[in-house]
Structure formats: C-alpha cells, structure tokens
Amino acid sequence: RYAAATTTPGPTASVLPQKGTCRRWGHPEAGEWNKDSDCCAIDMQAACDTNYRYVKSDEVCGFSGRCREYRYSCVRCEPGEACDSNYDVAYEDGEDLRGSHCEGSHWTAC
C-alpha cells in the first residue's frame, strides 16, 4: 500500500571537510603555520594538516594585498590514497608576502 522509503546515502565522514585542519602561513603569527578558522587564504599560504587533502574552491573570500584569497577545505585522505596537503606543514614553510607580487593594496592595482 505504501511505497518503501528510500534514502540516498550521503558522503561518509572521511570525505567531508574536517574542521580544525586548515592551516595558514604567517597569520596571525609570522613564520609559522597557524590554525585557519575560516579556511580562507592564498595558495602559497594555505595548507592542510598531515593526512588531509587540500581542496581549493572558486569562492573569493578576501584579499592579501593584491592577491585574492580563496575558500578551501581539508578532506581526510583514505588509506593508500595520494594525499596532497598543498604544503607539508611539519617540514615545509609557506611563502611570505613581503616582496611578492601580492604586496600592497589591491585597490592600487586597478
């Protein structure tokens, strides 16, 4: 009499973005990887914790000088999967903006 209810399974927890795994180089503490609570940074200053894959979106969420910052997320890697965190936060430094093409106000680039 009634059709059986069907549900489409959602993504497993391992493929959802994980809070607290985004890292940003040099902000607010210079010269180190800091927790990035809003997961918004330029590529050369964005990374994920070890065993998390960096996934950049097309959403512009701010500016670092003249460079656009993009929203990104960090997704747990499956065992055996190639896992690119953008930077290895345990061994690699990000890039400082001083002296880069991003330095300065984005309003002066118009």
C-alpha atoms as a PDB file:
ATOM      1  CA  ARG A   1       0.000   0.000   0.000  1.00  0.00           C
ATOM      2  CA  TYR A   2       2.808   2.466   0.843  1.00  0.00           C
ATOM      3  CA  ALA A   3       5.993   2.686  -1.168  1.00  0.00           C
ATOM      4  CA  ALA A   4       9.082   1.777   0.757  1.00  0.00           C
ATOM      5  CA  ALA A   5      11.091   4.836   1.764  1.00  0.00           C
ATOM      6  CA  THR A   6      14.467   5.041   0.131  1.00  0.00           C
ATOM      7  CA  THR A   7      17.322   7.268   1.043  1.00  0.00           C
ATOM      8  CA  THR A   8      20.408   8.192  -0.842  1.00  0.00           C
ATOM      9  CA  PRO A   9      23.405   7.720   1.387  1.00  0.00           C
ATOM     10  CA  GLY A  10      25.401  10.905   1.910  1.00  0.00           C
ATOM     11  CA  PRO A  11      29.157  11.159   1.882  1.00  0.00           C
ATOM     12  CA  THR A  12      30.949   9.261   4.581  1.00  0.00           C
ATOM     13  CA  ALA A  13      32.569  11.296   7.326  1.00  0.00           C
ATOM     14  CA  SER A  14      36.014  10.784   5.800  1.00  0.00           C
ATOM     15  CA  VAL A  15      35.123  12.693   2.602  1.00  0.00           C
ATOM     16  CA  LEU A  16      33.563  15.687   4.353  1.00  0.00           C
ATOM     17  CA  PRO A  17      35.697  18.747   5.131  1.00  0.00           C
ATOM     18  CA  GLN A  18      37.128  18.461   8.629  1.00  0.00           C
ATOM     19  CA  LYS A  19      37.023  21.464  10.968  1.00  0.00           C
ATOM     20  CA  GLY A  20      40.287  22.479  12.589  1.00  0.00           C
ATOM     21  CA  THR A  21      42.533  21.029   9.871  1.00  0.00           C
ATOM     22  CA  CYS A  22      43.091  24.205   7.781  1.00  0.00           C
ATOM     23  CA  ARG A  23      46.437  25.974   8.221  1.00  0.00           C
ATOM     24  CA  ARG A  24      47.577  29.425   7.118  1.00  0.00           C
ATOM     25  CA  TRP A  25      51.195  30.537   6.892  1.00  0.00           C
ATOM     26  CA  GLY A  26      52.200  33.681   8.722  1.00  0.00           C
ATOM     27  CA  HIS A  27      48.821  34.789  10.090  1.00  0.00           C
ATOM     28  CA  PRO A  28      48.429  35.756  12.826  1.00  0.00           C
ATOM     29  CA  GLU A  29      51.893  34.536  13.949  1.00  0.00           C
ATOM     30  CA  ALA A  30      54.624  35.290  11.404  1.00  0.00           C
ATOM     31  CA  GLY A  31      56.935  32.484  10.295  1.00  0.00           C
ATOM     32  CA  GLU A  32      54.726  29.554  11.272  1.00  0.00           C
ATOM     33  CA  TRP A  33      51.634  27.587  10.309  1.00  0.00           C
ATOM     34  CA  ASN A  34      48.589  28.839  12.225  1.00  0.00           C
ATOM     35  CA  LYS A  35      45.097  27.368  12.533  1.00  0.00           C
ATOM     36  CA  ASP A  36      42.922  28.958   9.858  1.00  0.00           C
ATOM     37  CA  SER A  37      39.427  29.000  11.343  1.00  0.00           C
ATOM     38  CA  ASP A  38      37.752  30.330   8.184  1.00  0.00           C
ATOM     39  CA  CYS A  39      39.820  28.277   5.688  1.00  0.00           C
ATOM     40  CA  CYS A  40      40.448  31.342   3.519  1.00  0.00           C
ATOM     41  CA  ALA A  41      43.931  32.123   2.144  1.00  0.00           C
ATOM     42  CA  ILE A  42      46.029  32.484  -0.994  1.00  0.00           C
ATOM     43  CA  ASP A  43      47.509  29.223  -2.345  1.00  0.00           C
ATOM     44  CA  MET A  44      51.034  29.993  -1.207  1.00  0.00           C
ATOM     45  CA  GLN A  45      49.851  30.426   2.380  1.00  0.00           C
ATOM     46  CA  ALA A  46      47.234  27.650   2.616  1.00  0.00           C
ATOM     47  CA  ALA A  47      47.697  24.030   3.690  1.00  0.00           C
ATOM     48  CA  CYS A  48      46.055  21.162   5.494  1.00  0.00           C
ATOM     49  CA  ASP A  49      47.196  19.005   8.361  1.00  0.00           C
ATOM     50  CA  THR A  50      49.040  15.781   7.564  1.00  0.00           C
ATOM     51  CA  ASN A  51      46.740  13.107   6.082  1.00  0.00           C
ATOM     52  CA  TYR A  52      44.285  15.723   4.791  1.00  0.00           C
ATOM     53  CA  ARG A  53      43.858  16.690   1.130  1.00  0.00           C
ATOM     54  CA  TYR A  54      43.796  20.395   0.174  1.00  0.00           C
ATOM     55  CA  VAL A  55      40.693  21.271  -1.877  1.00  0.00           C
ATOM     56  CA  LYS A  56      40.530  24.844  -3.226  1.00  0.00           C
ATOM     57  CA  SER A  57      37.180  26.335  -4.219  1.00  0.00           C
ATOM     58  CA  ASP A  58      36.462  29.143  -6.694  1.00  0.00           C
ATOM     59  CA  GLU A  59      34.926  31.301  -3.929  1.00  0.00           C
ATOM     60  CA  VAL A  60      36.877  34.508  -3.328  1.00  0.00           C
ATOM     61  CA  CYS A  61      36.716  35.165   0.407  1.00  0.00           C
ATOM     62  CA  GLY A  62      39.206  38.021   0.882  1.00  0.00           C
ATOM     63  CA  PHE A  63      42.422  39.685  -0.241  1.00  0.00           C
ATOM     64  CA  SER A  64      46.059  39.512   0.830  1.00  0.00           C
ATOM     65  CA  GLY A  65      47.364  42.746  -0.608  1.00  0.00           C
ATOM     66  CA  ARG A  66      46.737  42.467  -4.348  1.00  0.00           C
ATOM     67  CA  CYS A  67      46.079  38.720  -4.348  1.00  0.00           C
ATOM     68  CA  ARG A  68      42.708  37.078  -3.974  1.00  0.00           C
ATOM     69  CA  GLU A  69      42.171  34.658  -1.114  1.00  0.00           C
ATOM     70  CA  TYR A  70      40.077  31.583  -1.857  1.00  0.00           C
ATOM     71  CA  ARG A  71      37.994  29.377   0.383  1.00  0.00           C
ATOM     72  CA  TYR A  72      39.467  25.902   0.770  1.00  0.00           C
ATOM     73  CA  SER A  73      38.745  22.768   2.727  1.00  0.00           C
ATOM     74  CA  CYS A  74      40.694  19.842   4.091  1.00  0.00           C
ATOM     75  CA  VAL A  75      39.343  16.350   3.496  1.00  0.00           C
ATOM     76  CA  ARG A  76      40.696  13.261   5.252  1.00  0.00           C
ATOM     77  CA  CYS A  77      42.613  11.020   2.866  1.00  0.00           C
ATOM     78  CA  GLU A  78      41.738   7.368   2.529  1.00  0.00           C
ATOM     79  CA  PRO A  79      44.442   4.801   3.382  1.00  0.00           C
ATOM     80  CA  GLY A  80      46.762   4.338   0.405  1.00  0.00           C
ATOM     81  CA  GLU A  81      45.431   7.421  -1.396  1.00  0.00           C
ATOM     82  CA  ALA A  82      47.855  10.041  -2.728  1.00  0.00           C
ATOM     83  CA  CYS A  83      47.337  12.923  -0.347  1.00  0.00           C
ATOM     84  CA  ASP A  84      48.318  16.470  -1.353  1.00  0.00           C
ATOM     85  CA  SER A  85      48.007  18.882   1.584  1.00  0.00           C
ATOM     86  CA  ASN A  86      49.444  21.733  -0.587  1.00  0.00           C
ATOM     87  CA  TYR A  87      52.390  22.066   1.859  1.00  0.00           C
ATOM     88  CA  ASP A  88      53.739  19.549   4.355  1.00  0.00           C
ATOM     89  CA  VAL A  89      53.156  21.679   7.455  1.00  0.00           C
ATOM     90  CA  ALA A  90      55.564  19.554   9.505  1.00  0.00           C
ATOM     91  CA  TYR A  91      58.526  20.164   7.147  1.00  0.00           C
ATOM     92  CA  GLU A  92      57.749  22.973   4.695  1.00  0.00           C
ATOM     93  CA  ASP A  93      57.277  26.693   5.213  1.00  0.00           C
ATOM     94  CA  GLY A  94      54.681  28.689   3.345  1.00  0.00           C
ATOM     95  CA  GLU A  95      55.604  31.854   1.479  1.00  0.00           C
ATOM     96  CA  ASP A  96      55.743  35.321   2.982  1.00  0.00           C
ATOM     97  CA  LEU A  97      54.081  38.132   1.042  1.00  0.00           C
ATOM     98  CA  ARG A  98      56.804  40.693   1.689  1.00  0.00           C
ATOM     99  CA  GLY A  99      58.430  41.413  -1.665  1.00  0.00           C
ATOM    100  CA  SER A 100      55.932  39.286  -3.624  1.00  0.00           C
ATOM    101  CA  HIS A 101      53.522  40.388  -6.333  1.00  0.00           C
ATOM    102  CA  CYS A 102      50.786  40.348  -3.650  1.00  0.00           C
ATOM    103  CA  GLU A 103      52.375  43.051  -1.518  1.00  0.00           C
ATOM    104  CA  GLY A 104      50.458  46.308  -1.395  1.00  0.00           C
ATOM    105  CA  SER A 105      46.824  47.248  -1.549  1.00  0.00           C
ATOM    106  CA  HIS A 106      44.529  45.551  -4.070  1.00  0.00           C
ATOM    107  CA  TRP A 107      42.951  48.988  -4.633  1.00  0.00           C
ATOM    108  CA  THR A 108      46.191  50.282  -6.179  1.00  0.00           C
ATOM    109  CA  ALA A 109      46.116  47.518  -8.809  1.00  0.00           C
ATOM    110  CA  CYS A 110      43.027  48.992 -10.522  1.00  0.00           C
END
